[in-house]
Amino acid sequence: MSNHLDSGAVLVIAEQLDPTADLVVDELAARKLPMMRFDMGDFPQHMSLTAEHAVAPWAGILADEHRTVRLEEVRAVYYRRPRLPQVAETLTEPHRSWAADQALAGLLGTLYALPITWVNRPDVDGIASHKPGQLPLAAACGLRTPRTLITTDPEAARAWCKTIDGPVVCKPLMGGPLNYPDGRRNRVLTNLIDPADIDDTVALTAHLFQEWIPKQHEVRLTVVGTRMFAAEIHTNSDIGRIDWRGDYDSLQYKPCSAPEPVRQGVLGWLRHFGLNFGAFDFAVTPTGEWVMFECNPSGQWSWIQGKTGLPIAEAIADLLVGGTT
C-alpha cells in the first residue's frame, strides 16, 4: 500500500544508483522533510500521473509502487541526470518514439508549470550549458574570459592562432565522452596545440580554440543559490596542468574564497538564466586574477565535498526546503 506524502514534499529526480543524489536525499531525510525520489525511466510503466487544470496550475497525483505525492503540495525539485521515460516494448516504431516523447512532455511539462524551486530545470540547464553563450555573458557580468575562436575553417584557425601571443589550446564545445562500439569510453580533454598542426580535419566539425591562460592553480566554484563553495585545485602533473580532469590522482584541494567581483559576476550569470546551481571553472593567474573558462549547470560536486568537507549537499537541501540561500 502506498504512503501519501504530507504537504511540502521535495521531488528528487535521479537514477536510483546515484551517490551524489544520495547525499541530497540524506540531508533531506535528516530534516524529516517529505520527499519522493524517482527515476524518469520508470515513467510511465512503473509510475502514474494524473493532473487536472482548473484554477490552480495543476492538481493531482504522481505515484509509484511505494508512495504518492499531490502535485499541489510539491515545494521543490532536485533534478540530476535521470533516464528518459521508457515506454512498453510492445509498442513498435514509430509509435514507441512518439509515446516516449508524449511521456516526457506530460511529466516534465506538468512539473514545469508548478510554482516551485528547481535545482535545476533541465530545459534551462540545457540552454545555459552551451559555451558559445557562456563566455559573452560572463564578460558582460564583469568576469575575465579567455580569447576564444569557434570555427570550421582551418585557415581561419591558423590565422587566429598567429594573433595570440602565446600558447593555444583546443577543447570540446560540450561535455561527454567518446563512446566506442566495443563499449569503451574516452573523455575528450583540453590539449595544447601547435598551430602548424592544424589541418583540414578542422572542417569536419566545429572546433573551439582558446588562448592558454598561465595559472597558479585552478578553482572549482560551486554555487548553490547565493552560497559559494570555492576550492583551489593544485597539481604537479603535466597532464593535470593542461586539464585537471586528465589526472585526478595528482590533484590536491584547498578551500578558498572567491573575490567579491567574481561573486557578483557569477551571481549575475546565474540570474540571467534563472539557475539555482552552477559549477564554475576558473584559472587563477600568477598575479591572482580569476579567469572563467566555463560553467556546468549540472556539474559534479560530490567529489569536491568529499575532498574538502565543503557542505554543498547541506546547502542544496536548505535551498530545496526553502531555507537560507
C-alpha atoms as a PDB file:
ATOM      1  CA  MET A   1       0.000   0.000   0.000  1.00  0.00           C
ATOM      2  CA  SER A   2       1.421   3.376  -0.954  1.00  0.00           C
ATOM      3  CA  ASN A   3       2.226   6.054   1.598  1.00  0.00           C
ATOM      4  CA  HIS A   4       0.945   9.568   0.946  1.00  0.00           C
ATOM      5  CA  LEU A   5       3.497  12.335   1.467  1.00  0.00           C
ATOM      6  CA  ASP A   6       2.485  15.318   3.577  1.00  0.00           C
ATOM      7  CA  SER A   7       2.399  18.907   2.385  1.00  0.00           C
ATOM      8  CA  GLY A   8       5.626  20.457   1.193  1.00  0.00           C
ATOM      9  CA  ALA A   9       7.277  17.453  -0.455  1.00  0.00           C
ATOM     10  CA  VAL A  10      10.504  17.611  -2.457  1.00  0.00           C
ATOM     11  CA  LEU A  11      10.898  15.538  -5.608  1.00  0.00           C
ATOM     12  CA  VAL A  12      14.347  14.062  -6.231  1.00  0.00           C
ATOM     13  CA  ILE A  13      14.539  13.010  -9.879  1.00  0.00           C
ATOM     14  CA  ALA A  14      17.658  10.928 -10.462  1.00  0.00           C
ATOM     15  CA  GLU A  15      18.789   7.418 -11.254  1.00  0.00           C
ATOM     16  CA  GLN A  16      18.451   5.055  -8.319  1.00  0.00           C
ATOM     17  CA  LEU A  17      22.188   4.323  -8.243  1.00  0.00           C
ATOM     18  CA  ASP A  18      23.446   7.887  -7.952  1.00  0.00           C
ATOM     19  CA  PRO A  19      25.734   8.536  -4.952  1.00  0.00           C
ATOM     20  CA  THR A  20      25.574  12.306  -5.485  1.00  0.00           C
ATOM     21  CA  ALA A  21      21.774  12.327  -5.315  1.00  0.00           C
ATOM     22  CA  ASP A  22      22.066  10.091  -2.240  1.00  0.00           C
ATOM     23  CA  LEU A  23      23.870  12.912  -0.405  1.00  0.00           C
ATOM     24  CA  VAL A  24      20.949  15.269  -1.021  1.00  0.00           C
ATOM     25  CA  VAL A  25      18.419  12.620  -0.027  1.00  0.00           C
ATOM     26  CA  ASP A  26      20.311  12.027   3.225  1.00  0.00           C
ATOM     27  CA  GLU A  27      20.260  15.745   4.016  1.00  0.00           C
ATOM     28  CA  LEU A  28      16.530  15.989   3.325  1.00  0.00           C
ATOM     29  CA  ALA A  29      15.879  12.900   5.440  1.00  0.00           C
ATOM     30  CA  ALA A  30      17.830  14.436   8.316  1.00  0.00           C
ATOM     31  CA  ARG A  31      15.371  17.333   8.201  1.00  0.00           C
ATOM     32  CA  LYS A  32      12.481  14.840   8.210  1.00  0.00           C
ATOM     33  CA  LEU A  33      11.178  16.500   5.067  1.00  0.00           C
ATOM     34  CA  PRO A  34       8.669  14.565   2.952  1.00  0.00           C
ATOM     35  CA  MET A  35      10.228  13.564  -0.353  1.00  0.00           C
ATOM     36  CA  MET A  36       9.677  11.312  -3.311  1.00  0.00           C
ATOM     37  CA  ARG A  37      12.686  10.021  -5.236  1.00  0.00           C
ATOM     38  CA  PHE A  38      12.200   8.503  -8.650  1.00  0.00           C
ATOM     39  CA  ASP A  39      13.895   7.968 -11.981  1.00  0.00           C
ATOM     40  CA  MET A  40      12.023   9.234 -15.052  1.00  0.00           C
ATOM     41  CA  GLY A  41      12.996   5.970 -16.725  1.00  0.00           C
ATOM     42  CA  ASP A  42      10.323   4.305 -14.576  1.00  0.00           C
ATOM     43  CA  PHE A  43       7.629   6.514 -16.128  1.00  0.00           C
ATOM     44  CA  PRO A  44       5.073   5.597 -17.375  1.00  0.00           C
ATOM     45  CA  GLN A  45       5.457   1.833 -16.899  1.00  0.00           C
ATOM     46  CA  HIS A  46       6.012   1.856 -13.140  1.00  0.00           C
ATOM     47  CA  MET A  47       4.688   5.314 -12.278  1.00  0.00           C
ATOM     48  CA  SER A  48       1.422   7.102 -12.906  1.00  0.00           C
ATOM     49  CA  LEU A  49       0.492  10.751 -13.355  1.00  0.00           C
ATOM     50  CA  THR A  50      -2.952  12.314 -13.089  1.00  0.00           C
ATOM     51  CA  ALA A  51      -3.048  16.094 -13.391  1.00  0.00           C
ATOM     52  CA  GLU A  52      -6.087  18.340 -13.747  1.00  0.00           C
ATOM     53  CA  HIS A  53      -6.060  22.044 -14.578  1.00  0.00           C
ATOM     54  CA  ALA A  54      -8.892  24.210 -13.267  1.00  0.00           C
ATOM     55  CA  VAL A  55      -7.819  27.333 -11.365  1.00  0.00           C
ATOM     56  CA  ALA A  56      -4.507  26.238  -9.859  1.00  0.00           C
ATOM     57  CA  PRO A  57      -1.695  25.335 -12.288  1.00  0.00           C
ATOM     58  CA  TRP A  58      -2.171  21.574 -11.916  1.00  0.00           C
ATOM     59  CA  ALA A  59      -3.706  19.419  -9.224  1.00  0.00           C
ATOM     60  CA  GLY A  60      -3.476  15.682  -8.988  1.00  0.00           C
ATOM     61  CA  ILE A  61      -1.285  12.734  -8.143  1.00  0.00           C
ATOM     62  CA  LEU A  62       2.173  11.468  -9.036  1.00  0.00           C
ATOM     63  CA  ALA A  63       2.606   7.912  -7.784  1.00  0.00           C
ATOM     64  CA  ASP A  64       4.894   4.921  -7.984  1.00  0.00           C
ATOM     65  CA  GLU A  65       4.658   1.486  -6.374  1.00  0.00           C
ATOM     66  CA  HIS A  66       5.593   2.801  -2.927  1.00  0.00           C
ATOM     67  CA  ARG A  67       4.428   6.390  -2.497  1.00  0.00           C
ATOM     68  CA  THR A  68       2.280   9.187  -3.848  1.00  0.00           C
ATOM     69  CA  VAL A  69       2.563  12.943  -3.810  1.00  0.00           C
ATOM     70  CA  ARG A  70      -0.025  15.584  -4.609  1.00  0.00           C
ATOM     71  CA  LEU A  71       1.207  17.960  -7.293  1.00  0.00           C
ATOM     72  CA  GLU A  72      -0.190  20.998  -5.491  1.00  0.00           C
ATOM     73  CA  GLU A  73       1.885  20.100  -2.415  1.00  0.00           C
ATOM     74  CA  VAL A  74       5.265  19.879  -4.168  1.00  0.00           C
ATOM     75  CA  ARG A  75       7.628  22.620  -2.995  1.00  0.00           C
ATOM     76  CA  ALA A  76      10.831  21.879  -4.947  1.00  0.00           C
ATOM     77  CA  VAL A  77      12.584  19.534  -7.367  1.00  0.00           C
ATOM     78  CA  TYR A  78      16.184  18.337  -7.326  1.00  0.00           C
ATOM     79  CA  TYR A  79      16.866  17.144 -10.874  1.00  0.00           C
ATOM     80  CA  ARG A  80      20.050  15.222 -11.579  1.00  0.00           C
ATOM     81  CA  ARG A  81      20.630  13.275 -14.791  1.00  0.00           C
ATOM     82  CA  PRO A  82      17.768  10.761 -14.724  1.00  0.00           C
ATOM     83  CA  ARG A  83      16.995   8.382 -17.557  1.00  0.00           C
ATOM     84  CA  LEU A  84      14.396   9.374 -20.125  1.00  0.00           C
ATOM     85  CA  PRO A  85      10.910   7.822 -19.925  1.00  0.00           C
ATOM     86  CA  GLN A  86      10.812   4.190 -21.032  1.00  0.00           C
ATOM     87  CA  VAL A  87       7.569   3.054 -22.660  1.00  0.00           C
ATOM     88  CA  ALA A  88       6.444  -0.543 -23.127  1.00  0.00           C
ATOM     89  CA  GLU A  89       8.499  -2.644 -25.537  1.00  0.00           C
ATOM     90  CA  THR A  90       5.256  -3.946 -27.010  1.00  0.00           C
ATOM     91  CA  LEU A  91       4.974  -0.630 -28.836  1.00  0.00           C
ATOM     92  CA  THR A  92       6.671  -0.607 -32.228  1.00  0.00           C
ATOM     93  CA  GLU A  93       8.102   2.308 -34.198  1.00  0.00           C
ATOM     94  CA  PRO A  94       7.100   4.964 -34.955  1.00  0.00           C
ATOM     95  CA  HIS A  95       4.586   4.694 -32.113  1.00  0.00           C
ATOM     96  CA  ARG A  96       7.189   3.865 -29.479  1.00  0.00           C
ATOM     97  CA  SER A  97       9.250   7.027 -30.024  1.00  0.00           C
ATOM     98  CA  TRP A  98       6.077   9.094 -30.245  1.00  0.00           C
ATOM     99  CA  ALA A  99       4.797   7.652 -26.964  1.00  0.00           C
ATOM    100  CA  ALA A 100       8.138   8.290 -25.221  1.00  0.00           C
ATOM    101  CA  ASP A 101       8.016  11.928 -26.337  1.00  0.00           C
ATOM    102  CA  GLN A 102       4.456  12.215 -25.026  1.00  0.00           C
ATOM    103  CA  ALA A 103       5.507  10.793 -21.670  1.00  0.00           C
ATOM    104  CA  LEU A 104       8.400  13.257 -21.350  1.00  0.00           C
ATOM    105  CA  ALA A 105       6.213  16.216 -22.308  1.00  0.00           C
ATOM    106  CA  GLY A 106       3.455  15.134 -19.943  1.00  0.00           C
ATOM    107  CA  LEU A 107       5.649  14.616 -16.893  1.00  0.00           C
ATOM    108  CA  LEU A 108       8.153  17.460 -17.206  1.00  0.00           C
ATOM    109  CA  GLY A 109       5.635  19.848 -18.740  1.00  0.00           C
ATOM    110  CA  THR A 110       3.325  19.414 -15.773  1.00  0.00           C
ATOM    111  CA  LEU A 111       6.133  19.884 -13.258  1.00  0.00           C
ATOM    112  CA  TYR A 112       7.432  22.945 -15.118  1.00  0.00           C
ATOM    113  CA  ALA A 113       4.058  24.623 -14.660  1.00  0.00           C
ATOM    114  CA  LEU A 114       4.176  24.344 -10.865  1.00  0.00           C
ATOM    115  CA  PRO A 115       5.359  27.454  -8.936  1.00  0.00           C
ATOM    116  CA  ILE A 116       8.263  25.671  -7.264  1.00  0.00           C
ATOM    117  CA  THR A 117      12.048  25.802  -6.838  1.00  0.00           C
ATOM    118  CA  TRP A 118      14.206  23.769  -9.224  1.00  0.00           C
ATOM    119  CA  VAL A 119      17.841  22.725  -8.908  1.00  0.00           C
ATOM    120  CA  ASN A 120      17.943  22.994 -11.931  1.00  0.00           C
ATOM    121  CA  ARG A 121      15.189  22.915 -14.550  1.00  0.00           C
ATOM    122  CA  PRO A 122      16.622  20.720 -17.323  1.00  0.00           C
ATOM    123  CA  ASP A 123      15.349  22.937 -20.147  1.00  0.00           C
ATOM    124  CA  VAL A 124      17.086  25.987 -18.669  1.00  0.00           C
ATOM    125  CA  ASP A 125      20.130  23.892 -17.791  1.00  0.00           C
ATOM    126  CA  GLY A 126      20.428  22.823 -21.420  1.00  0.00           C
ATOM    127  CA  ILE A 127      20.426  26.396 -22.735  1.00  0.00           C
ATOM    128  CA  ALA A 128      22.954  27.576 -20.137  1.00  0.00           C
ATOM    129  CA  SER A 129      25.379  24.711 -20.805  1.00  0.00           C
ATOM    130  CA  HIS A 130      26.459  25.936 -24.253  1.00  0.00           C
ATOM    131  CA  LYS A 131      29.934  27.526 -24.164  1.00  0.00           C
ATOM    132  CA  PRO A 132      29.288  29.944 -27.058  1.00  0.00           C
ATOM    133  CA  GLY A 133      26.633  31.606 -24.913  1.00  0.00           C
ATOM    134  CA  GLN A 134      28.522  31.330 -21.625  1.00  0.00           C
ATOM    135  CA  LEU A 135      31.597  33.387 -22.400  1.00  0.00           C
ATOM    136  CA  PRO A 136      29.992  36.615 -23.743  1.00  0.00           C
ATOM    137  CA  LEU A 137      27.581  36.638 -20.796  1.00  0.00           C
ATOM    138  CA  ALA A 138      30.432  36.110 -18.350  1.00  0.00           C
ATOM    139  CA  ALA A 139      32.280  39.066 -19.855  1.00  0.00           C
ATOM    140  CA  ALA A 140      29.112  41.181 -19.655  1.00  0.00           C
ATOM    141  CA  CYS A 141      28.882  40.241 -15.964  1.00  0.00           C
ATOM    142  CA  GLY A 142      32.366  41.617 -15.373  1.00  0.00           C
ATOM    143  CA  LEU A 143      34.302  38.351 -15.401  1.00  0.00           C
ATOM    144  CA  ARG A 144      37.535  37.952 -17.333  1.00  0.00           C
ATOM    145  CA  THR A 145      37.306  35.325 -20.080  1.00  0.00           C
ATOM    146  CA  PRO A 146      39.933  33.885 -22.459  1.00  0.00           C
ATOM    147  CA  ARG A 147      40.139  34.996 -26.081  1.00  0.00           C
ATOM    148  CA  THR A 148      38.338  32.257 -27.986  1.00  0.00           C
ATOM    149  CA  LEU A 149      37.651  31.187 -31.561  1.00  0.00           C
ATOM    150  CA  ILE A 150      34.950  28.788 -32.760  1.00  0.00           C
ATOM    151  CA  THR A 151      35.420  27.752 -36.374  1.00  0.00           C
ATOM    152  CA  THR A 152      35.173  25.070 -39.026  1.00  0.00           C
ATOM    153  CA  ASP A 153      37.719  26.870 -41.225  1.00  0.00           C
ATOM    154  CA  PRO A 154      41.335  25.604 -40.925  1.00  0.00           C
ATOM    155  CA  GLU A 155      42.746  28.788 -42.480  1.00  0.00           C
ATOM    156  CA  ALA A 156      40.799  30.946 -40.027  1.00  0.00           C
ATOM    157  CA  ALA A 157      42.092  28.811 -37.154  1.00  0.00           C
ATOM    158  CA  ARG A 158      45.722  29.161 -38.244  1.00  0.00           C
ATOM    159  CA  ALA A 159      45.360  32.896 -38.798  1.00  0.00           C
ATOM    160  CA  TRP A 160      43.738  33.413 -35.405  1.00  0.00           C
ATOM    161  CA  CYS A 161      46.444  31.449 -33.616  1.00  0.00           C
ATOM    162  CA  LYS A 162      49.036  33.832 -35.073  1.00  0.00           C
ATOM    163  CA  THR A 163      47.272  36.734 -33.341  1.00  0.00           C
ATOM    164  CA  ILE A 164      47.682  35.087 -29.931  1.00  0.00           C
ATOM    165  CA  ASP A 165      50.954  35.986 -28.286  1.00  0.00           C
ATOM    166  CA  GLY A 166      51.446  32.656 -26.599  1.00  0.00           C
ATOM    167  CA  PRO A 167      50.249  29.037 -26.473  1.00  0.00           C
ATOM    168  CA  VAL A 168      46.819  27.944 -27.693  1.00  0.00           C
ATOM    169  CA  VAL A 169      44.584  25.086 -26.595  1.00  0.00           C
ATOM    170  CA  CYS A 170      41.799  23.206 -28.326  1.00  0.00           C
ATOM    171  CA  LYS A 171      38.925  21.957 -26.192  1.00  0.00           C
ATOM    172  CA  PRO A 172      35.470  20.393 -26.668  1.00  0.00           C
ATOM    173  CA  LEU A 173      32.467  22.669 -27.154  1.00  0.00           C
ATOM    174  CA  MET A 174      30.396  20.437 -24.918  1.00  0.00           C
ATOM    175  CA  GLY A 175      30.967  17.671 -22.421  1.00  0.00           C
ATOM    176  CA  GLY A 176      30.538  13.974 -22.868  1.00  0.00           C
ATOM    177  CA  PRO A 177      32.954  11.151 -23.700  1.00  0.00           C
ATOM    178  CA  LEU A 178      33.686   9.352 -26.935  1.00  0.00           C
ATOM    179  CA  ASN A 179      31.560   6.185 -26.883  1.00  0.00           C
ATOM    180  CA  TYR A 180      33.088   3.374 -28.932  1.00  0.00           C
ATOM    181  CA  PRO A 181      31.115   0.421 -30.408  1.00  0.00           C
ATOM    182  CA  ASP A 182      33.022  -2.005 -28.159  1.00  0.00           C
ATOM    183  CA  GLY A 183      31.830  -0.194 -25.031  1.00  0.00           C
ATOM    184  CA  ARG A 184      34.968   1.841 -24.336  1.00  0.00           C
ATOM    185  CA  ARG A 185      34.509   5.450 -23.252  1.00  0.00           C
ATOM    186  CA  ASN A 186      37.213   8.098 -23.502  1.00  0.00           C
ATOM    187  CA  ARG A 187      36.999  11.625 -22.131  1.00  0.00           C
ATOM    188  CA  VAL A 188      37.960  14.353 -24.595  1.00  0.00           C
ATOM    189  CA  LEU A 189      40.412  16.649 -22.792  1.00  0.00           C
ATOM    190  CA  THR A 190      41.810  20.114 -23.380  1.00  0.00           C
ATOM    191  CA  ASN A 191      45.027  19.907 -25.416  1.00  0.00           C
ATOM    192  CA  LEU A 192      47.865  22.329 -26.088  1.00  0.00           C
ATOM    193  CA  ILE A 193      48.313  22.541 -29.835  1.00  0.00           C
ATOM    194  CA  ASP A 194      50.922  23.635 -32.337  1.00  0.00           C
ATOM    195  CA  PRO A 195      49.152  25.884 -34.889  1.00  0.00           C
ATOM    196  CA  ALA A 196      51.314  24.285 -37.585  1.00  0.00           C
ATOM    197  CA  ASP A 197      49.491  21.006 -36.909  1.00  0.00           C
ATOM    198  CA  ILE A 198      46.064  22.433 -37.724  1.00  0.00           C
ATOM    199  CA  ASP A 199      44.869  20.628 -40.834  1.00  0.00           C
ATOM    200  CA  ASP A 200      41.768  20.233 -42.975  1.00  0.00           C
ATOM    201  CA  THR A 201      40.077  17.955 -40.444  1.00  0.00           C
ATOM    202  CA  VAL A 202      39.013  21.159 -38.661  1.00  0.00           C
ATOM    203  CA  ALA A 203      36.395  21.474 -41.408  1.00  0.00           C
ATOM    204  CA  LEU A 204      34.699  18.252 -40.288  1.00  0.00           C
ATOM    205  CA  THR A 205      33.002  19.883 -37.286  1.00  0.00           C
ATOM    206  CA  ALA A 206      33.033  22.980 -35.078  1.00  0.00           C
ATOM    207  CA  HIS A 207      36.237  23.446 -33.060  1.00  0.00           C
ATOM    208  CA  LEU A 208      36.938  25.694 -30.081  1.00  0.00           C
ATOM    209  CA  PHE A 209      40.396  27.263 -29.872  1.00  0.00           C
ATOM    210  CA  GLN A 210      41.397  29.328 -26.845  1.00  0.00           C
ATOM    211  CA  GLU A 211      44.376  31.241 -25.569  1.00  0.00           C
ATOM    212  CA  TRP A 212      46.331  29.426 -22.869  1.00  0.00           C
ATOM    213  CA  ILE A 213      45.970  31.146 -19.506  1.00  0.00           C
ATOM    214  CA  PRO A 214      49.096  30.992 -17.287  1.00  0.00           C
ATOM    215  CA  LYS A 215      47.953  29.926 -13.839  1.00  0.00           C
ATOM    216  CA  GLN A 216      48.987  29.391 -10.242  1.00  0.00           C
ATOM    217  CA  HIS A 217      46.167  26.884  -9.884  1.00  0.00           C
ATOM    218  CA  GLU A 218      42.560  26.363 -10.875  1.00  0.00           C
ATOM    219  CA  VAL A 219      39.368  26.774  -8.865  1.00  0.00           C
ATOM    220  CA  ARG A 220      36.102  24.868  -8.921  1.00  0.00           C
ATOM    221  CA  LEU A 221      33.489  27.333  -7.663  1.00  0.00           C
ATOM    222  CA  THR A 222      30.220  25.578  -6.813  1.00  0.00           C
ATOM    223  CA  VAL A 223      27.302  27.963  -6.324  1.00  0.00           C
ATOM    224  CA  VAL A 224      24.047  26.962  -4.618  1.00  0.00           C
ATOM    225  CA  GLY A 225      21.519  29.785  -4.580  1.00  0.00           C
ATOM    226  CA  THR A 226      23.756  32.627  -3.420  1.00  0.00           C
ATOM    227  CA  ARG A 227      26.081  30.450  -1.323  1.00  0.00           C
ATOM    228  CA  MET A 228      29.533  29.814  -2.746  1.00  0.00           C
ATOM    229  CA  PHE A 229      31.879  26.909  -2.197  1.00  0.00           C
ATOM    230  CA  ALA A 230      35.280  27.511  -3.763  1.00  0.00           C
ATOM    231  CA  ALA A 231      38.125  25.004  -3.842  1.00  0.00           C
ATOM    232  CA  GLU A 232      41.606  25.516  -5.235  1.00  0.00           C
ATOM    233  CA  ILE A 233      42.792  22.645  -7.429  1.00  0.00           C
ATOM    234  CA  HIS A 234      46.563  22.094  -7.445  1.00  0.00           C
ATOM    235  CA  THR A 235      48.576  19.573  -9.467  1.00  0.00           C
ATOM    236  CA  ASN A 236      52.204  18.751 -10.172  1.00  0.00           C
ATOM    237  CA  SER A 237      51.280  16.689 -13.226  1.00  0.00           C
ATOM    238  CA  ASP A 238      51.954  17.866 -16.779  1.00  0.00           C
ATOM    239  CA  ILE A 239      48.621  16.424 -17.910  1.00  0.00           C
ATOM    240  CA  GLY A 240      46.823  17.905 -14.911  1.00  0.00           C
ATOM    241  CA  ARG A 241      48.240  21.371 -15.559  1.00  0.00           C
ATOM    242  CA  ILE A 242      46.631  21.374 -19.005  1.00  0.00           C
ATOM    243  CA  ASP A 243      43.352  19.748 -17.926  1.00  0.00           C
ATOM    244  CA  TRP A 244      42.978  18.597 -14.331  1.00  0.00           C
ATOM    245  CA  ARG A 245      40.298  16.107 -15.382  1.00  0.00           C
ATOM    246  CA  GLY A 246      43.037  14.100 -17.064  1.00  0.00           C
ATOM    247  CA  ASP A 247      44.868  13.182 -13.835  1.00  0.00           C
ATOM    248  CA  TYR A 248      42.625  13.143 -10.766  1.00  0.00           C
ATOM    249  CA  ASP A 249      45.225  11.196  -8.782  1.00  0.00           C
ATOM    250  CA  SER A 250      47.619  14.156  -8.932  1.00  0.00           C
ATOM    251  CA  LEU A 251      45.175  16.710  -7.561  1.00  0.00           C
ATOM    252  CA  GLN A 252      45.218  18.450  -4.204  1.00  0.00           C
ATOM    253  CA  TYR A 253      42.381  20.637  -2.952  1.00  0.00           C
ATOM    254  CA  LYS A 254      42.139  23.605  -0.623  1.00  0.00           C
ATOM    255  CA  PRO A 255      39.009  25.589   0.271  1.00  0.00           C
ATOM    256  CA  CYS A 256      39.263  29.265  -0.605  1.00  0.00           C
ATOM    257  CA  SER A 257      37.120  32.376  -1.007  1.00  0.00           C
ATOM    258  CA  ALA A 258      36.048  33.975  -4.255  1.00  0.00           C
ATOM    259  CA  PRO A 259      36.847  37.684  -4.667  1.00  0.00           C
ATOM    260  CA  GLU A 260      33.798  39.939  -4.434  1.00  0.00           C
ATOM    261  CA  PRO A 261      33.838  40.898  -8.157  1.00  0.00           C
ATOM    262  CA  VAL A 262      33.853  37.193  -9.027  1.00  0.00           C
ATOM    263  CA  ARG A 263      30.992  36.550  -6.593  1.00  0.00           C
ATOM    264  CA  GLN A 264      28.892  39.288  -8.147  1.00  0.00           C
ATOM    265  CA  GLY A 265      29.764  38.170 -11.656  1.00  0.00           C
ATOM    266  CA  VAL A 266      28.738  34.540 -11.201  1.00  0.00           C
ATOM    267  CA  LEU A 267      25.535  35.543  -9.383  1.00  0.00           C
ATOM    268  CA  GLY A 268      24.631  37.801 -12.303  1.00  0.00           C
ATOM    269  CA  TRP A 269      25.441  34.945 -14.692  1.00  0.00           C
ATOM    270  CA  LEU A 270      23.136  32.549 -12.839  1.00  0.00           C
ATOM    271  CA  ARG A 271      20.352  35.142 -12.527  1.00  0.00           C
ATOM    272  CA  HIS A 272      20.405  35.666 -16.286  1.00  0.00           C
ATOM    273  CA  PHE A 273      19.489  32.030 -16.845  1.00  0.00           C
ATOM    274  CA  GLY A 274      17.321  31.600 -13.761  1.00  0.00           C
ATOM    275  CA  LEU A 275      19.586  28.891 -12.337  1.00  0.00           C
ATOM    276  CA  ASN A 276      19.933  27.923  -8.676  1.00  0.00           C
ATOM    277  CA  PHE A 277      23.099  25.864  -9.134  1.00  0.00           C
ATOM    278  CA  GLY A 278      26.271  26.111 -11.171  1.00  0.00           C
ATOM    279  CA  ALA A 279      29.759  24.568 -11.118  1.00  0.00           C
ATOM    280  CA  PHE A 280      32.192  27.179 -12.454  1.00  0.00           C
ATOM    281  CA  ASP A 281      35.757  26.517 -13.565  1.00  0.00           C
ATOM    282  CA  PHE A 282      38.339  29.283 -13.141  1.00  0.00           C
ATOM    283  CA  ALA A 283      42.075  29.675 -13.560  1.00  0.00           C
ATOM    284  CA  VAL A 284      43.911  31.931 -11.118  1.00  0.00           C
ATOM    285  CA  THR A 285      46.802  33.682 -12.855  1.00  0.00           C
ATOM    286  CA  PRO A 286      50.234  34.332 -11.288  1.00  0.00           C
ATOM    287  CA  THR A 287      49.013  37.860 -10.480  1.00  0.00           C
ATOM    288  CA  GLY A 288      45.911  36.488  -8.702  1.00  0.00           C
ATOM    289  CA  GLU A 289      43.324  37.311 -11.383  1.00  0.00           C
ATOM    290  CA  TRP A 290      40.426  34.888 -11.786  1.00  0.00           C
ATOM    291  CA  VAL A 291      39.633  33.851 -15.387  1.00  0.00           C
ATOM    292  CA  MET A 292      36.401  31.969 -16.098  1.00  0.00           C
ATOM    293  CA  PHE A 293      36.531  29.052 -18.520  1.00  0.00           C
ATOM    294  CA  GLU A 294      33.021  27.658 -18.263  1.00  0.00           C
ATOM    295  CA  CYS A 295      30.079  26.719 -16.071  1.00  0.00           C
ATOM    296  CA  ASN A 296      28.455  23.311 -15.899  1.00  0.00           C
ATOM    297  CA  PRO A 297      24.899  23.916 -14.638  1.00  0.00           C
ATOM    298  CA  SER A 298      24.600  20.250 -13.665  1.00  0.00           C
ATOM    299  CA  GLY A 299      28.241  19.715 -12.768  1.00  0.00           C
ATOM    300  CA  GLN A 300      29.618  17.122 -10.398  1.00  0.00           C
ATOM    301  CA  TRP A 301      30.200  18.320  -6.841  1.00  0.00           C
ATOM    302  CA  SER A 302      30.238  15.306  -4.532  1.00  0.00           C
ATOM    303  CA  TRP A 303      33.974  14.669  -5.015  1.00  0.00           C
ATOM    304  CA  ILE A 304      34.750  18.273  -4.068  1.00  0.00           C
ATOM    305  CA  GLN A 305      32.646  17.913  -0.926  1.00  0.00           C
ATOM    306  CA  GLY A 306      34.409  14.661  -0.112  1.00  0.00           C
ATOM    307  CA  LYS A 307      37.890  16.128  -0.590  1.00  0.00           C
ATOM    308  CA  THR A 308      37.300  19.450   1.190  1.00  0.00           C
ATOM    309  CA  GLY A 309      34.386  18.987   3.583  1.00  0.00           C
ATOM    310  CA  LEU A 310      32.553  21.907   1.965  1.00  0.00           C
ATOM    311  CA  PRO A 311      28.838  21.452   2.897  1.00  0.00           C
ATOM    312  CA  ILE A 312      27.406  21.525  -0.625  1.00  0.00           C
ATOM    313  CA  ALA A 313      24.726  18.874  -0.065  1.00  0.00           C
ATOM    314  CA  GLU A 314      23.563  20.746   3.030  1.00  0.00           C
ATOM    315  CA  ALA A 315      23.232  23.955   1.016  1.00  0.00           C
ATOM    316  CA  ILE A 316      21.237  22.201  -1.719  1.00  0.00           C
ATOM    317  CA  ALA A 317      18.904  20.725   0.894  1.00  0.00           C
ATOM    318  CA  ASP A 318      18.497  24.172   2.507  1.00  0.00           C
ATOM    319  CA  LEU A 319      17.535  25.631  -0.865  1.00  0.00           C
ATOM    320  CA  LEU A 320      15.034  22.855  -1.554  1.00  0.00           C
ATOM    321  CA  VAL A 321      13.489  23.215   1.884  1.00  0.00           C
ATOM    322  CA  GLY A 322      13.217  26.950   1.385  1.00  0.00           C
ATOM    323  CA  GLY A 323      15.842  27.958   3.912  1.00  0.00           C
ATOM    324  CA  THR A 324      18.703  30.389   3.532  1.00  0.00           C
ATOM    325  CA  THR A 325      20.481  30.714   0.202  1.00  0.00           C
END
